[in-house]
Structure formats: structure tokens, C-alpha cells
Amino acid sequence: MPTPHPDELALKLTRALTTHDLDTLVATLQAGGHLTRPVPQARANLKPILEHAAQDHVNLLHPPADFHAWLRTPLLSNARGGVASNNTIIARTSTLRGLYTTLRREGLITVDPLTDFQTPPAEHARDALPHQDDLTRLLLNATDPHLHAALTLMYRHALQVTEILSLRWGMYDHPRARLLRRRTASTLGTESTRALEPLLAAQGGPLHVQDDAHVFPYRTQDDLRLAIFRVCQNANLPFIGPAQIRRASLRDFPLTQTEAGFADPRSFELAQQLARTLGVQDGTAPQDAAAEPA
């Protein structure tokens, strides 16, 4: 494919962005040598952005004042209707930055709309865990009672996402503060029982609650991840995933094997060792667990 003349390139880019034409946009960038990623990847990264721009009548050449806030939706969405991973968000943002760099070189814009736009940290299997202060801040900003209770159970007792999604009121022994889990029955601490109280009251109290009623409204892992992501954004925190919260629980609280939901002693020991060696995101060593028992 011949390299387009600068004027022709600018015209094609303008038309493609004005009409939200993904195929023409990617082909024009490729012909001009402006793609730093393979075509399929560049197309996949730009697709949700152009689709949402067309839907919301957003001109990507002249973005609105709330562009950064608007951009969160196309960056976050995935094909299943859930939340994209941090690495996907970073890849999409990087491709969009490359597009705006090209537009500036061609004189189509004078200011980069992505200046000061913050992306989440990359996700790695053995990333350091969030600091205790950040987790405390996350809980304080989780004003929705359901999310606050879910986060409290995850942080105080290392509940897995599958346990949160499947939890029913019949699995909670209110008088004894006992919770039936996938592998064990855990005795809950004061923080966890207190977080469950408003949810239980909304169901009519312990004498009237339906045993088969779900405790939480989340039906998929993506539902829960999205709720957590929104709180992290509002609290100006990097995204803290459920797996990180669960590991931080093992690092920050002196849980017993059953309180942490482990049936196998060796698995519990290995999980504790991993949590302690990952440290915290600010680069300091893990703190000794001095918090009150969960």
C-alpha cells in the first residue's frame, strides 16, 4: 500500500474520525506507518472507543471537556459486558495516545487530549499487594452497604469471589456469627458481623429472612469487579482486585485455617507465605500483623 500524501492522510484521518469509521482509520494509520502494534491488536484497542464515541456523539478530534471521565466507559468495557483488565485498559490507552500523536504531527490538533490522563498499574501474577492504608480507604469509600459488606468479608476473612456470589442467608448463623463457606465454616469477627447487619435488617431481620435469598446482588465476577473499580476511582486508588484483597487478608490478619476458608493445612501455609513475601505496593516490607483478630 503506497504511503499517502500528508494532505491526503490528514483528510482520511479527519473523515474516519468524524464518521467513526474504524476500518478506514486503522488502514490509514497503517499506510502512513503510524501503527506501533499489529493491525488486529490496534483495531481491537480502538474499536470500543470509536463505538462509544459514535453512540454518544463524541467527536474524538475535538473531545468534550469531560473527555477523561467519558473515556472510562469505553476503556473499561469488554465483550462480555464486564470490566476489562488493567492491561487491556493500558493497551487501549496506549493505542489512543499513538493516534493523538499522529493527529498532532499532521496538524489536526494542537493539544493532546490525553495529557494528565491516568491509567491503572499493570497487572502481574506476583505484584506487590496494596498497602493496609489503601485497603482501609477502600472500605471507607465503599458507601454502598452491599459492597462494604462484601469487601469487609473479603478483607477480614479472605472470602473468594465465588463465595460472595453464592452466599445465601441460610448459610449465615446470626446468633453464633458463623458463616458456611465452600470448604469450612468460619466464625466472623465484629467488623464482618457489623457490616452484615444493615443487609440483614433490610431482609426483615434474622427471624424473617429467607434462607435461599442471596446476600449480595452481584451475579458475576465482572459485576463485583466493576463495583470495586468505581470505588477505587472515586477514592483515587489504583484498582484493587478481589485476589489482591484476599491475599492482603492473609498478610494483615492472624486468621486461622478455617477462618480463612482453607480445608487443607498445606494450601493455607503456602497462601500465607505468598502473601507475606509479596509485600506492599509502596515498596516497603510487609508489616507484622498487629491488627485485632478477625
C-alpha atoms as a PDB file:
ATOM      1  CA  MET A   1       0.000   0.000   0.000  1.00  0.00           C
ATOM      2  CA  PRO A   2       1.531   3.356  -1.040  1.00  0.00           C
ATOM      3  CA  THR A   3       2.206   5.961   1.619  1.00  0.00           C
ATOM      4  CA  PRO A   4      -0.471   8.671   1.393  1.00  0.00           C
ATOM      5  CA  HIS A   5       0.426  12.310   0.775  1.00  0.00           C
ATOM      6  CA  PRO A   6       0.353  14.337   4.022  1.00  0.00           C
ATOM      7  CA  ASP A   7      -2.730  16.266   2.922  1.00  0.00           C
ATOM      8  CA  GLU A   8      -4.442  13.061   1.852  1.00  0.00           C
ATOM      9  CA  LEU A   9      -3.517  11.414   5.154  1.00  0.00           C
ATOM     10  CA  ALA A  10      -4.956  14.301   7.156  1.00  0.00           C
ATOM     11  CA  LEU A  11      -8.155  14.259   5.112  1.00  0.00           C
ATOM     12  CA  LYS A  12      -8.642  10.494   5.529  1.00  0.00           C
ATOM     13  CA  LEU A  13      -7.993  10.663   9.272  1.00  0.00           C
ATOM     14  CA  THR A  14     -10.452  13.535   9.650  1.00  0.00           C
ATOM     15  CA  ARG A  15     -13.160  11.697   7.725  1.00  0.00           C
ATOM     16  CA  ALA A  16     -12.579   8.425   9.572  1.00  0.00           C
ATOM     17  CA  LEU A  17     -12.782  10.074  12.981  1.00  0.00           C
ATOM     18  CA  THR A  18     -15.763  12.220  12.028  1.00  0.00           C
ATOM     19  CA  THR A  19     -17.704   9.181  10.805  1.00  0.00           C
ATOM     20  CA  HIS A  20     -16.278   6.825  13.460  1.00  0.00           C
ATOM     21  CA  ASP A  21     -15.021   4.558  10.659  1.00  0.00           C
ATOM     22  CA  LEU A  22     -12.715   2.084  12.402  1.00  0.00           C
ATOM     23  CA  ASP A  23     -11.624   0.165   9.300  1.00  0.00           C
ATOM     24  CA  THR A  24     -10.603   3.298   7.386  1.00  0.00           C
ATOM     25  CA  LEU A  25      -8.891   4.778  10.438  1.00  0.00           C
ATOM     26  CA  VAL A  26      -6.725   1.711  11.077  1.00  0.00           C
ATOM     27  CA  ALA A  27      -5.950   1.241   7.364  1.00  0.00           C
ATOM     28  CA  THR A  28      -4.915   4.900   7.056  1.00  0.00           C
ATOM     29  CA  LEU A  29      -2.685   4.707  10.121  1.00  0.00           C
ATOM     30  CA  GLN A  30      -1.094   1.528   8.770  1.00  0.00           C
ATOM     31  CA  ALA A  31      -0.498   3.035   5.323  1.00  0.00           C
ATOM     32  CA  GLY A  32       1.191   6.049   6.902  1.00  0.00           C
ATOM     33  CA  GLY A  33       3.428   3.871   9.079  1.00  0.00           C
ATOM     34  CA  HIS A  34       1.829   5.170  12.258  1.00  0.00           C
ATOM     35  CA  LEU A  35       0.908   1.874  13.913  1.00  0.00           C
ATOM     36  CA  THR A  36       3.186   0.569  16.658  1.00  0.00           C
ATOM     37  CA  ARG A  37       1.065  -2.557  17.181  1.00  0.00           C
ATOM     38  CA  PRO A  38      -0.154  -5.284  14.793  1.00  0.00           C
ATOM     39  CA  VAL A  39      -3.277  -4.280  12.877  1.00  0.00           C
ATOM     40  CA  PRO A  40      -5.642  -6.742  14.642  1.00  0.00           C
ATOM     41  CA  GLN A  41      -4.459  -5.512  18.046  1.00  0.00           C
ATOM     42  CA  ALA A  42      -4.704  -1.835  17.103  1.00  0.00           C
ATOM     43  CA  ARG A  43      -8.184  -2.440  15.714  1.00  0.00           C
ATOM     44  CA  ALA A  44      -9.295  -4.275  18.869  1.00  0.00           C
ATOM     45  CA  ASN A  45      -7.924  -1.490  21.076  1.00  0.00           C
ATOM     46  CA  LEU A  46      -9.657   1.308  19.164  1.00  0.00           C
ATOM     47  CA  LYS A  47     -12.941  -0.483  18.471  1.00  0.00           C
ATOM     48  CA  PRO A  48     -14.726   0.151  21.813  1.00  0.00           C
ATOM     49  CA  ILE A  49     -13.579   3.777  21.811  1.00  0.00           C
ATOM     50  CA  LEU A  50     -14.978   4.509  18.352  1.00  0.00           C
ATOM     51  CA  GLU A  51     -18.170   2.540  19.028  1.00  0.00           C
ATOM     52  CA  HIS A  52     -18.905   4.501  22.196  1.00  0.00           C
ATOM     53  CA  ALA A  53     -17.947   7.764  20.505  1.00  0.00           C
ATOM     54  CA  ALA A  54     -20.469   7.066  17.727  1.00  0.00           C
ATOM     55  CA  GLN A  55     -23.115   6.096  20.260  1.00  0.00           C
ATOM     56  CA  ASP A  56     -22.555   9.192  22.425  1.00  0.00           C
ATOM     57  CA  HIS A  57     -21.886  11.581  19.505  1.00  0.00           C
ATOM     58  CA  VAL A  58     -18.383  12.361  20.776  1.00  0.00           C
ATOM     59  CA  ASN A  59     -16.001  14.000  18.317  1.00  0.00           C
ATOM     60  CA  LEU A  60     -12.590  12.450  19.012  1.00  0.00           C
ATOM     61  CA  LEU A  61     -10.900  15.255  17.073  1.00  0.00           C
ATOM     62  CA  HIS A  62     -12.435  17.822  19.403  1.00  0.00           C
ATOM     63  CA  PRO A  63     -13.246  15.937  22.618  1.00  0.00           C
ATOM     64  CA  PRO A  64     -15.639  17.451  25.183  1.00  0.00           C
ATOM     65  CA  ALA A  65     -14.495  18.973  28.471  1.00  0.00           C
ATOM     66  CA  ASP A  66     -15.409  15.795  30.365  1.00  0.00           C
ATOM     67  CA  PHE A  67     -13.441  13.611  27.943  1.00  0.00           C
ATOM     68  CA  HIS A  68     -11.386  11.883  30.645  1.00  0.00           C
ATOM     69  CA  ALA A  69     -14.496  10.932  32.588  1.00  0.00           C
ATOM     70  CA  TRP A  70     -16.282   9.785  29.425  1.00  0.00           C
ATOM     71  CA  LEU A  71     -13.270   7.733  28.309  1.00  0.00           C
ATOM     72  CA  ARG A  72     -13.515   5.452  31.330  1.00  0.00           C
ATOM     73  CA  THR A  73     -16.542   3.660  29.877  1.00  0.00           C
ATOM     74  CA  PRO A  74     -15.051   2.526  26.544  1.00  0.00           C
ATOM     75  CA  LEU A  75     -11.722   1.738  28.202  1.00  0.00           C
ATOM     76  CA  LEU A  76     -13.406  -0.385  30.872  1.00  0.00           C
ATOM     77  CA  SER A  77     -15.943  -2.294  28.793  1.00  0.00           C
ATOM     78  CA  ASN A  78     -15.261  -5.772  27.486  1.00  0.00           C
ATOM     79  CA  ALA A  79     -17.104  -8.020  25.047  1.00  0.00           C
ATOM     80  CA  ARG A  80     -18.928  -9.832  27.866  1.00  0.00           C
ATOM     81  CA  GLY A  81     -20.306  -6.615  29.319  1.00  0.00           C
ATOM     82  CA  GLY A  82     -17.941  -6.708  32.281  1.00  0.00           C
ATOM     83  CA  VAL A  83     -14.756  -4.878  33.239  1.00  0.00           C
ATOM     84  CA  ALA A  84     -11.624  -5.059  31.119  1.00  0.00           C
ATOM     85  CA  SER A  85      -8.355  -5.936  32.839  1.00  0.00           C
ATOM     86  CA  ASN A  86      -5.824  -3.269  33.761  1.00  0.00           C
ATOM     87  CA  ASN A  87      -3.527  -4.494  30.992  1.00  0.00           C
ATOM     88  CA  THR A  88      -6.309  -4.126  28.403  1.00  0.00           C
ATOM     89  CA  ILE A  89      -7.064  -0.596  29.627  1.00  0.00           C
ATOM     90  CA  ILE A  90      -3.373   0.283  29.350  1.00  0.00           C
ATOM     91  CA  ALA A  91      -3.133  -1.179  25.821  1.00  0.00           C
ATOM     92  CA  ARG A  92      -6.209   0.732  24.646  1.00  0.00           C
ATOM     93  CA  THR A  93      -4.943   3.982  26.131  1.00  0.00           C
ATOM     94  CA  SER A  94      -1.511   3.480  24.551  1.00  0.00           C
ATOM     95  CA  THR A  95      -3.042   2.954  21.107  1.00  0.00           C
ATOM     96  CA  LEU A  96      -5.209   6.048  21.534  1.00  0.00           C
ATOM     97  CA  ARG A  97      -2.139   8.050  22.595  1.00  0.00           C
ATOM     98  CA  GLY A  98      -0.425   6.941  19.405  1.00  0.00           C
ATOM     99  CA  LEU A  99      -3.412   8.135  17.385  1.00  0.00           C
ATOM    100  CA  TYR A 100      -3.330  11.561  19.032  1.00  0.00           C
ATOM    101  CA  THR A 101       0.427  11.791  18.460  1.00  0.00           C
ATOM    102  CA  THR A 102      -0.222  11.227  14.750  1.00  0.00           C
ATOM    103  CA  LEU A 103      -3.008  13.819  14.734  1.00  0.00           C
ATOM    104  CA  ARG A 104      -0.679  16.395  16.278  1.00  0.00           C
ATOM    105  CA  ARG A 105       2.053  15.663  13.735  1.00  0.00           C
ATOM    106  CA  GLU A 106      -0.459  16.162  10.937  1.00  0.00           C
ATOM    107  CA  GLY A 107      -1.597  19.464  12.428  1.00  0.00           C
ATOM    108  CA  LEU A 108      -5.137  18.236  13.043  1.00  0.00           C
ATOM    109  CA  ILE A 109      -4.973  19.021  16.769  1.00  0.00           C
ATOM    110  CA  THR A 110      -2.727  21.294  18.799  1.00  0.00           C
ATOM    111  CA  VAL A 111      -3.278  19.894  22.300  1.00  0.00           C
ATOM    112  CA  ASP A 112      -3.091  16.240  23.349  1.00  0.00           C
ATOM    113  CA  PRO A 113      -6.482  15.363  24.906  1.00  0.00           C
ATOM    114  CA  LEU A 114      -4.830  12.623  26.990  1.00  0.00           C
ATOM    115  CA  THR A 115      -2.493  14.965  28.877  1.00  0.00           C
ATOM    116  CA  ASP A 116      -2.594  14.005  32.584  1.00  0.00           C
ATOM    117  CA  PHE A 117      -4.871  11.031  31.874  1.00  0.00           C
ATOM    118  CA  GLN A 118      -4.025   8.336  34.412  1.00  0.00           C
ATOM    119  CA  THR A 119      -4.048   4.617  33.633  1.00  0.00           C
ATOM    120  CA  PRO A 120      -4.148   1.831  36.234  1.00  0.00           C
ATOM    121  CA  PRO A 121      -0.990  -0.113  37.074  1.00  0.00           C
ATOM    122  CA  ALA A 122      -0.196  -3.190  35.012  1.00  0.00           C
ATOM    123  CA  GLU A 123      -1.354  -6.469  36.480  1.00  0.00           C
ATOM    124  CA  HIS A 124       1.216  -9.171  37.174  1.00  0.00           C
ATOM    125  CA  ALA A 125       0.651 -12.504  38.861  1.00  0.00           C
ATOM    126  CA  ARG A 126       3.139 -11.697  41.620  1.00  0.00           C
ATOM    127  CA  ASP A 127       2.558  -7.977  42.014  1.00  0.00           C
ATOM    128  CA  ALA A 128       3.012  -6.473  45.453  1.00  0.00           C
ATOM    129  CA  LEU A 129      -0.172  -6.194  47.458  1.00  0.00           C
ATOM    130  CA  PRO A 130      -1.995  -2.953  48.287  1.00  0.00           C
ATOM    131  CA  HIS A 131      -0.975  -1.159  51.466  1.00  0.00           C
ATOM    132  CA  GLN A 132      -3.138  -1.569  54.544  1.00  0.00           C
ATOM    133  CA  ASP A 133      -3.935   2.157  54.436  1.00  0.00           C
ATOM    134  CA  ASP A 134      -5.246   1.845  50.863  1.00  0.00           C
ATOM    135  CA  LEU A 135      -7.487  -1.062  51.831  1.00  0.00           C
ATOM    136  CA  THR A 136      -8.815   0.919  54.784  1.00  0.00           C
ATOM    137  CA  ARG A 137      -9.508   3.820  52.431  1.00  0.00           C
ATOM    138  CA  LEU A 138     -11.255   1.480  50.010  1.00  0.00           C
ATOM    139  CA  LEU A 139     -13.590   0.265  52.753  1.00  0.00           C
ATOM    140  CA  LEU A 140     -14.302   3.798  53.975  1.00  0.00           C
ATOM    141  CA  ASN A 141     -15.271   4.883  50.458  1.00  0.00           C
ATOM    142  CA  ALA A 142     -17.486   1.853  49.837  1.00  0.00           C
ATOM    143  CA  THR A 143     -20.678   3.618  50.939  1.00  0.00           C
ATOM    144  CA  ASP A 144     -22.989   1.067  49.330  1.00  0.00           C
ATOM    145  CA  PRO A 145     -23.873  -1.363  52.176  1.00  0.00           C
ATOM    146  CA  HIS A 146     -23.667  -4.443  49.962  1.00  0.00           C
ATOM    147  CA  LEU A 147     -20.236  -3.585  48.594  1.00  0.00           C
ATOM    148  CA  HIS A 148     -18.967  -2.541  52.013  1.00  0.00           C
ATOM    149  CA  ALA A 149     -20.052  -5.877  53.480  1.00  0.00           C
ATOM    150  CA  ALA A 150     -18.568  -7.852  50.565  1.00  0.00           C
ATOM    151  CA  LEU A 151     -15.234  -6.043  50.834  1.00  0.00           C
ATOM    152  CA  THR A 152     -15.207  -6.496  54.612  1.00  0.00           C
ATOM    153  CA  LEU A 153     -15.721 -10.256  54.309  1.00  0.00           C
ATOM    154  CA  MET A 154     -13.059 -10.470  51.599  1.00  0.00           C
ATOM    155  CA  TYR A 155     -10.554  -8.478  53.585  1.00  0.00           C
ATOM    156  CA  ARG A 156     -11.292  -9.788  57.078  1.00  0.00           C
ATOM    157  CA  HIS A 157     -11.846 -13.439  56.171  1.00  0.00           C
ATOM    158  CA  ALA A 158     -10.324 -13.938  52.702  1.00  0.00           C
ATOM    159  CA  LEU A 159     -13.629 -14.824  51.045  1.00  0.00           C
ATOM    160  CA  GLN A 160     -13.312 -15.758  47.389  1.00  0.00           C
ATOM    161  CA  VAL A 161     -15.433 -14.117  44.705  1.00  0.00           C
ATOM    162  CA  THR A 162     -17.306 -17.387  44.169  1.00  0.00           C
ATOM    163  CA  GLU A 163     -18.206 -17.424  47.872  1.00  0.00           C
ATOM    164  CA  ILE A 164     -19.504 -13.854  47.718  1.00  0.00           C
ATOM    165  CA  LEU A 165     -21.602 -14.614  44.629  1.00  0.00           C
ATOM    166  CA  SER A 166     -23.110 -17.823  46.033  1.00  0.00           C
ATOM    167  CA  LEU A 167     -23.675 -16.677  49.621  1.00  0.00           C
ATOM    168  CA  ARG A 168     -27.266 -17.076  50.866  1.00  0.00           C
ATOM    169  CA  TRP A 169     -28.757 -16.023  54.171  1.00  0.00           C
ATOM    170  CA  GLY A 170     -29.316 -19.626  55.226  1.00  0.00           C
ATOM    171  CA  MET A 171     -25.523 -20.002  55.275  1.00  0.00           C
ATOM    172  CA  TYR A 172     -25.178 -17.316  57.961  1.00  0.00           C
ATOM    173  CA  ASP A 173     -25.827 -18.340  61.583  1.00  0.00           C
ATOM    174  CA  HIS A 174     -26.540 -14.915  63.046  1.00  0.00           C
ATOM    175  CA  PRO A 175     -26.624 -15.798  66.789  1.00  0.00           C
ATOM    176  CA  ARG A 176     -23.247 -17.563  66.574  1.00  0.00           C
ATOM    177  CA  ALA A 177     -21.743 -15.313  63.887  1.00  0.00           C
ATOM    178  CA  ARG A 178     -20.885 -18.413  61.859  1.00  0.00           C
ATOM    179  CA  LEU A 179     -20.644 -18.451  58.065  1.00  0.00           C
ATOM    180  CA  LEU A 180     -20.840 -21.638  55.999  1.00  0.00           C
ATOM    181  CA  ARG A 181     -18.304 -21.427  53.177  1.00  0.00           C
ATOM    182  CA  ARG A 182     -17.164 -23.616  50.278  1.00  0.00           C
ATOM    183  CA  ARG A 183     -14.739 -25.619  52.403  1.00  0.00           C
ATOM    184  CA  THR A 184     -15.176 -24.536  56.025  1.00  0.00           C
ATOM    185  CA  ALA A 185     -17.438 -22.736  58.478  1.00  0.00           C
ATOM    186  CA  SER A 186     -15.846 -19.516  59.745  1.00  0.00           C
ATOM    187  CA  THR A 187     -16.585 -17.553  62.884  1.00  0.00           C
ATOM    188  CA  LEU A 188     -16.859 -13.911  61.879  1.00  0.00           C
ATOM    189  CA  GLY A 189     -15.296 -11.028  63.748  1.00  0.00           C
ATOM    190  CA  THR A 190     -17.064  -7.866  64.877  1.00  0.00           C
ATOM    191  CA  GLU A 191     -16.227  -5.888  61.730  1.00  0.00           C
ATOM    192  CA  SER A 192     -17.807  -8.505  59.487  1.00  0.00           C
ATOM    193  CA  THR A 193     -20.964  -9.044  61.552  1.00  0.00           C
ATOM    194  CA  ARG A 194     -21.439  -5.280  61.843  1.00  0.00           C
ATOM    195  CA  ALA A 195     -21.151  -4.911  58.060  1.00  0.00           C
ATOM    196  CA  LEU A 196     -23.833  -7.575  57.534  1.00  0.00           C
ATOM    197  CA  GLU A 197     -26.331  -6.010  59.969  1.00  0.00           C
ATOM    198  CA  PRO A 198     -27.903  -3.442  57.589  1.00  0.00           C
ATOM    199  CA  LEU A 199     -28.279  -6.092  54.892  1.00  0.00           C
ATOM    200  CA  LEU A 200     -29.941  -8.464  57.330  1.00  0.00           C
ATOM    201  CA  ALA A 201     -32.242  -5.693  58.616  1.00  0.00           C
ATOM    202  CA  ALA A 202     -33.308  -4.906  55.047  1.00  0.00           C
ATOM    203  CA  GLN A 203     -34.419  -8.550  54.718  1.00  0.00           C
ATOM    204  CA  GLY A 204     -36.664  -8.288  57.783  1.00  0.00           C
ATOM    205  CA  GLY A 205     -34.142  -9.336  60.419  1.00  0.00           C
ATOM    206  CA  PRO A 206     -32.847 -12.790  61.424  1.00  0.00           C
ATOM    207  CA  LEU A 207     -36.343 -14.128  62.213  1.00  0.00           C
ATOM    208  CA  HIS A 208     -37.874 -13.268  58.856  1.00  0.00           C
ATOM    209  CA  VAL A 209     -35.043 -13.505  56.318  1.00  0.00           C
ATOM    210  CA  GLN A 210     -35.486 -16.103  53.560  1.00  0.00           C
ATOM    211  CA  ASP A 211     -32.779 -18.761  53.764  1.00  0.00           C
ATOM    212  CA  ASP A 212     -32.483 -19.117  49.989  1.00  0.00           C
ATOM    213  CA  ALA A 213     -32.190 -15.360  49.348  1.00  0.00           C
ATOM    214  CA  HIS A 214     -28.821 -14.158  48.073  1.00  0.00           C
ATOM    215  CA  VAL A 215     -26.896 -11.937  50.475  1.00  0.00           C
ATOM    216  CA  PHE A 216     -25.344  -9.888  47.656  1.00  0.00           C
ATOM    217  CA  PRO A 217     -26.811  -8.599  44.378  1.00  0.00           C
ATOM    218  CA  TYR A 218     -23.750  -9.483  42.265  1.00  0.00           C
ATOM    219  CA  ARG A 219     -24.353 -12.274  39.759  1.00  0.00           C
ATOM    220  CA  THR A 220     -20.981 -12.419  38.016  1.00  0.00           C
ATOM    221  CA  GLN A 221     -17.364 -11.733  38.876  1.00  0.00           C
ATOM    222  CA  ASP A 222     -17.457  -8.786  36.469  1.00  0.00           C
ATOM    223  CA  ASP A 223     -20.350  -7.223  38.432  1.00  0.00           C
ATOM    224  CA  LEU A 224     -18.267  -7.242  41.600  1.00  0.00           C
ATOM    225  CA  ARG A 225     -15.060  -6.081  39.875  1.00  0.00           C
ATOM    226  CA  LEU A 226     -16.902  -3.146  38.308  1.00  0.00           C
ATOM    227  CA  ALA A 227     -18.333  -2.071  41.673  1.00  0.00           C
ATOM    228  CA  ILE A 228     -14.857  -2.223  43.236  1.00  0.00           C
ATOM    229  CA  PHE A 229     -13.307  -0.348  40.305  1.00  0.00           C
ATOM    230  CA  ARG A 230     -15.777   2.524  40.648  1.00  0.00           C
ATOM    231  CA  VAL A 231     -14.987   2.930  44.336  1.00  0.00           C
ATOM    232  CA  CYS A 232     -11.250   2.851  43.593  1.00  0.00           C
ATOM    233  CA  GLN A 233     -11.734   5.591  41.010  1.00  0.00           C
ATOM    234  CA  ASN A 234     -13.725   7.758  43.420  1.00  0.00           C
ATOM    235  CA  ALA A 235     -11.150   7.208  46.157  1.00  0.00           C
ATOM    236  CA  ASN A 236      -8.253   7.980  43.775  1.00  0.00           C
ATOM    237  CA  LEU A 237      -6.840   4.482  44.297  1.00  0.00           C
ATOM    238  CA  PRO A 238      -5.359   2.088  41.757  1.00  0.00           C
ATOM    239  CA  PHE A 239      -7.710  -0.792  41.024  1.00  0.00           C
ATOM    240  CA  ILE A 240      -7.526  -3.362  43.828  1.00  0.00           C
ATOM    241  CA  GLY A 241      -8.746  -6.719  42.575  1.00  0.00           C
ATOM    242  CA  PRO A 242     -10.519  -9.386  44.658  1.00  0.00           C
ATOM    243  CA  ALA A 243      -7.479 -11.699  44.582  1.00  0.00           C
ATOM    244  CA  GLN A 244      -5.298  -8.901  46.000  1.00  0.00           C
ATOM    245  CA  ILE A 245      -7.797  -8.267  48.800  1.00  0.00           C
ATOM    246  CA  ARG A 246      -7.886 -11.963  49.655  1.00  0.00           C
ATOM    247  CA  ARG A 247      -4.090 -12.210  49.816  1.00  0.00           C
ATOM    248  CA  ALA A 248      -3.866  -8.999  51.839  1.00  0.00           C
ATOM    249  CA  SER A 249      -6.254 -10.568  54.329  1.00  0.00           C
ATOM    250  CA  LEU A 250      -3.773 -13.385  54.917  1.00  0.00           C
ATOM    251  CA  ARG A 251      -0.986 -10.821  55.288  1.00  0.00           C
ATOM    252  CA  ASP A 252      -2.750  -8.368  57.615  1.00  0.00           C
ATOM    253  CA  PHE A 253      -4.779 -10.567  59.981  1.00  0.00           C
ATOM    254  CA  PRO A 254      -3.818 -13.570  62.132  1.00  0.00           C
ATOM    255  CA  LEU A 255      -6.526 -15.819  60.675  1.00  0.00           C
ATOM    256  CA  THR A 256      -6.791 -19.492  61.488  1.00  0.00           C
ATOM    257  CA  GLN A 257      -7.092 -22.008  58.684  1.00  0.00           C
ATOM    258  CA  THR A 258     -10.885 -22.305  58.992  1.00  0.00           C
ATOM    259  CA  GLU A 259     -11.380 -18.545  59.453  1.00  0.00           C
ATOM    260  CA  ALA A 260      -9.612 -18.045  56.107  1.00  0.00           C
ATOM    261  CA  GLY A 261     -11.704 -20.728  54.385  1.00  0.00           C
ATOM    262  CA  PHE A 262      -8.939 -23.305  53.783  1.00  0.00           C
ATOM    263  CA  ALA A 263      -9.594 -27.020  54.215  1.00  0.00           C
ATOM    264  CA  ASP A 264      -6.012 -28.111  53.534  1.00  0.00           C
ATOM    265  CA  PRO A 265      -3.326 -27.014  56.023  1.00  0.00           C
ATOM    266  CA  ARG A 266      -0.546 -27.087  53.423  1.00  0.00           C
ATOM    267  CA  SER A 267      -2.508 -24.878  50.999  1.00  0.00           C
ATOM    268  CA  PHE A 268      -3.178 -22.421  53.815  1.00  0.00           C
ATOM    269  CA  GLU A 269       0.515 -22.326  54.759  1.00  0.00           C
ATOM    270  CA  LEU A 270       1.597 -21.730  51.151  1.00  0.00           C
ATOM    271  CA  ALA A 271      -1.001 -18.980  50.692  1.00  0.00           C
ATOM    272  CA  GLN A 272       0.205 -17.229  53.850  1.00  0.00           C
ATOM    273  CA  GLN A 273       3.829 -17.459  52.723  1.00  0.00           C
ATOM    274  CA  LEU A 274       2.985 -15.940  49.337  1.00  0.00           C
ATOM    275  CA  ALA A 275       1.021 -13.095  50.923  1.00  0.00           C
ATOM    276  CA  ARG A 276       3.912 -12.257  53.237  1.00  0.00           C
ATOM    277  CA  THR A 277       6.545 -12.310  50.502  1.00  0.00           C
ATOM    278  CA  LEU A 278       4.607 -10.078  48.090  1.00  0.00           C
ATOM    279  CA  GLY A 279       4.946  -7.060  50.368  1.00  0.00           C
ATOM    280  CA  VAL A 280       3.079  -3.842  49.645  1.00  0.00           C
ATOM    281  CA  GLN A 281       2.832  -1.603  46.597  1.00  0.00           C
ATOM    282  CA  ASP A 282       4.786   1.282  48.066  1.00  0.00           C
ATOM    283  CA  GLY A 283       7.879  -0.899  48.130  1.00  0.00           C
ATOM    284  CA  THR A 284       8.132  -1.371  51.888  1.00  0.00           C
ATOM    285  CA  ALA A 285       8.344  -4.724  53.565  1.00  0.00           C
ATOM    286  CA  PRO A 286       5.139  -6.340  54.848  1.00  0.00           C
ATOM    287  CA  GLN A 287       4.065  -5.146  58.261  1.00  0.00           C
ATOM    288  CA  ASP A 288       3.772  -7.555  61.154  1.00  0.00           C
ATOM    289  CA  ALA A 289       0.101  -8.342  61.669  1.00  0.00           C
ATOM    290  CA  ALA A 290      -0.748  -6.278  64.702  1.00  0.00           C
ATOM    291  CA  ALA A 291      -4.411  -5.771  63.881  1.00  0.00           C
ATOM    292  CA  GLU A 292      -7.194  -7.122  66.047  1.00  0.00           C
ATOM    293  CA  PRO A 293      -8.167 -10.731  65.338  1.00  0.00           C
ATOM    294  CA  ALA A 294     -10.787 -11.075  62.625  1.00  0.00           C
END
